[in-house]
Amino acid sequence: MDRVVSSNHATEQQDVRREEALTVAALLAFAGGYIDAYTWITHRVFANAQTANMLFLWIHAIAGEWAKALHYVPSLSAFVLGVIMASWLRRLAGANAGPISLLIEIGFLIFVAILHNRLPGVAGTLGISFVAAMQAASFPRVESLAYSSVMATTNLRQAIEGFYSAVTGSIEPHRFRRPSIFATILVTFGVGAATGAYVTVKSPALTLGRWVTPIRYLSTARAASRPS
């Protein structure tokens, strides 16, 4: 199975869409880690990791701690709406959905950064989770391989499977490409999380605008570019 996936990847690698480039995926992973660190430190809720939010919701619910359980509902709800928005955008815009989605996300982040001073709870849970969902749904692949720019589990599995295949007999000439892609994404996600944690503690008022918006501008430019 790994050989089939690797072979298909090699065949398609020459025609990778710009929005599936590793550079774009790495930038988005950095932003994904950054945002999750920010929302956890500031609001004790994850913008991206809805598995954790759902887990905490049910742990508190089974203990009868309904106020704590309901704390995670807005983030989950906003994530649902973000996925629906991204799906609608793909249907409407087709191949241009990725760059358009990033522009919408940038606009939302600017709005959230402004709103955060007045309504930090709403901005931190609803707005950022909505943005995270749009990112996850709009950019599901890197070089034709399924990945996630907002959580690590899928990427870690892909990196391990790819490395195992590469060292145990894969005949693919670029057999280390797959694990190197996912290792890069994991590292940039981690660096993003570390950076987000540091900036959130040192200058919380500037956390969103200082780093996430420039990263998304770079991602938009890269995704919208075309070969010369």
Protein backbone atom coordinates (compact mmCIF):
# COMPACT_ATOMS: atom_id res chain seq x y z
CA MET A 1 0.00 0.00 0.00
CA ASP A 2 2.83 2.40 0.91
CA ARG A 3 4.48 1.66 -2.44
CA VAL A 4 1.28 2.49 -4.28
CA VAL A 5 0.91 5.78 -2.42
CA SER A 6 4.56 6.64 -2.94
CA SER A 7 4.37 5.79 -6.64
CA ASN A 8 1.26 7.89 -7.12
CA HIS A 9 2.92 10.74 -5.27
CA ALA A 10 5.97 10.60 -7.54
CA THR A 11 3.77 10.59 -10.63
CA GLU A 12 1.79 13.62 -9.47
CA GLN A 13 4.70 15.54 -7.99
CA GLN A 14 5.50 17.24 -11.30
CA ASP A 15 2.01 18.78 -11.47
CA VAL A 16 1.57 19.91 -7.88
CA ARG A 17 -0.85 22.79 -7.54
CA ARG A 18 0.72 25.92 -6.10
CA GLU A 19 -1.54 25.87 -3.05
CA GLU A 20 -0.29 22.32 -2.33
CA ALA A 21 3.37 23.39 -2.31
CA LEU A 22 5.43 22.54 0.76
CA THR A 23 6.25 26.22 1.32
CA VAL A 24 2.55 27.05 1.66
CA ALA A 25 1.91 24.04 3.90
CA ALA A 26 4.82 24.94 6.18
CA LEU A 27 3.67 28.56 6.53
CA LEU A 28 0.13 27.44 7.31
CA ALA A 29 1.40 24.89 9.83
CA PHE A 30 3.39 27.64 11.55
CA ALA A 31 0.24 29.76 11.75
CA GLY A 32 -1.76 26.76 12.99
CA GLY A 33 0.61 26.07 15.87
CA TYR A 34 0.85 29.78 16.69
CA ILE A 35 -2.93 30.22 16.89
CA ASP A 36 -3.46 27.15 19.07
CA ALA A 37 -0.80 28.27 21.54
CA TYR A 38 -2.38 31.72 21.68
CA THR A 39 -5.94 30.52 22.27
CA TRP A 40 -4.92 27.96 24.88
CA ILE A 41 -2.82 30.40 26.90
CA THR A 42 -5.35 33.23 26.62
CA HIS A 43 -8.71 31.41 26.70
CA ARG A 44 -7.94 27.83 27.83
CA VAL A 45 -9.57 26.49 24.67
CA PHE A 46 -8.08 25.22 21.41
CA ALA A 47 -8.89 26.92 18.12
CA ASN A 48 -7.63 23.98 16.03
CA ALA A 49 -7.57 20.84 18.16
CA GLN A 50 -11.30 20.15 18.35
CA THR A 51 -10.56 16.61 19.55
CA ALA A 52 -9.20 18.10 22.77
CA ASN A 53 -12.13 20.50 23.06
CA MET A 54 -14.61 17.66 22.63
CA LEU A 55 -12.70 15.55 25.15
CA PHE A 56 -12.77 18.29 27.78
CA LEU A 57 -16.44 18.97 27.04
CA TRP A 58 -17.45 15.37 27.77
CA ILE A 59 -15.13 15.04 30.79
CA HIS A 60 -16.75 18.06 32.43
CA ALA A 61 -20.23 17.05 31.29
CA ILE A 62 -19.99 13.57 32.83
CA ALA A 63 -18.82 15.20 36.05
CA GLY A 64 -21.84 17.49 36.01
CA GLU A 65 -19.69 20.59 35.53
CA TRP A 66 -21.95 22.11 32.91
CA ALA A 67 -20.51 25.62 32.95
CA LYS A 68 -17.04 24.24 32.22
CA ALA A 69 -18.43 21.88 29.57
CA LEU A 70 -20.27 24.66 27.76
CA HIS A 71 -17.04 26.67 27.63
CA TYR A 72 -15.95 24.50 24.68
CA VAL A 73 -19.20 24.67 22.69
CA PRO A 74 -18.57 28.05 20.99
CA SER A 75 -15.22 26.89 19.58
CA LEU A 76 -16.73 23.65 18.29
CA SER A 77 -19.67 25.52 16.75
CA ALA A 78 -17.42 28.09 15.06
CA PHE A 79 -15.28 25.28 13.66
CA VAL A 80 -18.38 23.68 12.10
CA LEU A 81 -19.37 26.99 10.50
CA GLY A 82 -15.83 27.49 9.17
CA VAL A 83 -15.82 24.10 7.46
CA ILE A 84 -19.22 24.82 5.91
CA MET A 85 -17.95 28.20 4.68
CA ALA A 86 -14.86 26.63 3.11
CA SER A 87 -16.95 23.94 1.43
CA TRP A 88 -19.30 26.57 -0.01
CA LEU A 89 -16.33 28.60 -1.22
CA ARG A 90 -14.81 25.59 -3.00
CA ARG A 91 -18.10 25.01 -4.80
CA LEU A 92 -18.38 28.68 -5.74
CA ALA A 93 -14.77 29.54 -6.64
CA GLY A 94 -13.29 26.20 -7.69
CA ALA A 95 -9.51 26.32 -8.11
CA ASN A 96 -9.37 29.88 -6.73
CA ALA A 97 -10.93 28.89 -3.42
CA GLY A 98 -7.59 28.53 -1.59
CA PRO A 99 -6.23 32.07 -2.09
CA ILE A 100 -9.71 33.57 -1.57
CA SER A 101 -10.08 31.61 1.65
CA LEU A 102 -6.78 32.96 2.96
CA LEU A 103 -7.82 36.53 2.19
CA ILE A 104 -11.06 35.98 4.11
CA GLU A 105 -9.09 34.50 7.01
CA ILE A 106 -6.75 37.52 7.07
CA GLY A 107 -9.75 39.82 7.20
CA PHE A 108 -11.23 37.82 10.07
CA LEU A 109 -7.95 37.89 11.99
CA ILE A 110 -7.73 41.67 11.66
CA PHE A 111 -11.33 41.92 12.84
CA VAL A 112 -10.62 39.53 15.74
CA ALA A 113 -7.53 41.51 16.75
CA ILE A 114 -9.65 44.69 16.94
CA LEU A 115 -12.61 43.02 18.64
CA HIS A 116 -10.40 41.24 21.15
CA ASN A 117 -9.89 44.41 23.18
CA ARG A 118 -13.65 44.75 23.77
CA LEU A 119 -14.97 41.17 23.65
CA PRO A 120 -11.99 38.87 24.22
CA GLY A 121 -14.08 35.74 24.85
CA VAL A 122 -16.08 36.03 21.65
CA ALA A 123 -13.09 36.96 19.53
CA GLY A 124 -10.83 34.30 20.98
CA THR A 125 -13.22 31.39 20.60
CA LEU A 126 -15.65 32.12 17.78
CA GLY A 127 -13.49 34.18 15.44
CA ILE A 128 -10.24 32.23 15.63
CA SER A 129 -11.89 28.80 15.54
CA PHE A 130 -13.79 29.88 12.42
CA VAL A 131 -10.50 30.92 10.78
CA ALA A 132 -8.81 27.68 11.81
CA ALA A 133 -11.63 25.60 10.31
CA MET A 134 -11.46 27.47 7.00
CA GLN A 135 -7.71 26.88 6.86
CA ALA A 136 -8.04 23.17 7.61
CA ALA A 137 -10.81 22.62 5.07
CA SER A 138 -9.34 24.81 2.31
CA PHE A 139 -5.84 23.32 2.37
CA PRO A 140 -6.16 19.56 2.98
CA ARG A 141 -3.20 18.44 0.82
CA VAL A 142 0.51 19.03 0.38
CA GLU A 143 2.04 17.73 -2.85
CA SER A 144 -1.10 15.59 -3.36
CA LEU A 145 -0.75 14.00 0.09
CA ALA A 146 -3.41 14.42 2.80
CA TYR A 147 -2.16 16.50 5.73
CA SER A 148 -3.38 18.96 8.35
CA SER A 149 -1.99 22.44 8.91
CA VAL A 150 -3.82 22.80 12.23
CA MET A 151 -2.96 19.61 14.14
CA ALA A 152 -0.10 17.14 14.36
CA THR A 153 -1.58 13.63 14.61
CA THR A 154 -2.16 13.01 10.89
CA ASN A 155 1.21 14.46 9.96
CA LEU A 156 3.04 12.41 12.59
CA ARG A 157 1.42 9.22 11.29
CA GLN A 158 2.34 10.11 7.70
CA ALA A 159 5.94 10.86 8.68
CA ILE A 160 6.33 7.56 10.53
CA GLU A 161 4.68 5.49 7.79
CA GLY A 162 6.74 7.22 5.10
CA PHE A 163 10.01 6.71 6.98
CA TYR A 164 9.20 3.07 7.67
CA SER A 165 8.42 2.48 3.99
CA ALA A 166 11.61 4.26 2.91
CA VAL A 167 13.92 2.17 5.11
CA THR A 168 12.23 -1.21 4.59
CA GLY A 169 12.46 -1.77 0.87
CA SER A 170 10.63 0.95 -1.03
CA ILE A 171 11.85 1.07 -4.64
CA GLU A 172 10.68 4.64 -5.12
CA PRO A 173 13.70 6.84 -6.10
CA HIS A 174 12.35 9.72 -3.98
CA ARG A 175 11.32 7.48 -1.12
CA PHE A 176 12.38 9.94 1.59
CA ARG A 177 10.34 12.78 0.09
CA ARG A 178 7.13 11.83 1.87
CA PRO A 179 8.60 11.58 5.40
CA SER A 180 10.65 14.74 4.85
CA ILE A 181 7.52 16.68 3.87
CA PHE A 182 5.68 15.70 7.03
CA ALA A 183 8.74 16.15 9.24
CA THR A 184 9.04 19.71 7.91
CA ILE A 185 5.38 20.39 8.65
CA LEU A 186 5.70 18.96 12.18
CA VAL A 187 8.74 21.11 12.90
CA THR A 188 7.15 24.31 11.59
CA PHE A 189 3.97 23.58 13.58
CA GLY A 190 6.08 23.19 16.71
CA VAL A 191 8.07 26.34 16.01
CA GLY A 192 4.79 28.19 15.44
CA ALA A 193 3.42 26.96 18.76
CA ALA A 194 6.59 27.97 20.61
CA THR A 195 6.59 31.39 18.94
CA GLY A 196 2.90 31.89 19.69
CA ALA A 197 3.42 31.02 23.34
CA TYR A 198 6.37 33.39 23.67
CA VAL A 199 4.69 36.34 21.94
CA THR A 200 1.40 35.81 23.80
CA VAL A 201 3.17 36.03 27.16
CA LYS A 202 5.49 38.90 26.22
CA SER A 203 3.11 41.14 24.21
CA PRO A 204 -0.45 39.76 24.28
CA ALA A 205 -2.01 42.87 22.71
CA LEU A 206 0.05 42.41 19.54
CA THR A 207 -0.02 38.62 19.32
CA LEU A 208 -2.36 38.20 16.37
CA GLY A 209 -1.34 41.14 14.22
CA ARG A 210 2.41 40.83 14.69
CA TRP A 211 2.90 37.33 13.33
CA VAL A 212 -0.18 35.59 11.96
CA THR A 213 -1.27 38.20 9.44
CA PRO A 214 2.14 38.50 7.73
CA ILE A 215 2.38 34.71 7.55
CA ARG A 216 -1.01 34.56 5.87
CA TYR A 217 -0.05 37.29 3.41
CA LEU A 218 3.02 35.27 2.45
CA SER A 219 0.89 32.13 2.10
CA THR A 220 -1.62 33.96 -0.09
CA ALA A 221 1.10 35.29 -2.39
CA ARG A 222 2.64 31.83 -2.71
CA ALA A 223 -0.69 30.08 -3.32
CA ALA A 224 -1.85 32.64 -5.88
CA SER A 225 1.39 32.62 -7.87
CA ARG A 226 1.72 30.76 -11.16
CA PRO A 227 4.74 29.29 -12.88
CA SER A 228 6.38 31.77 -15.27
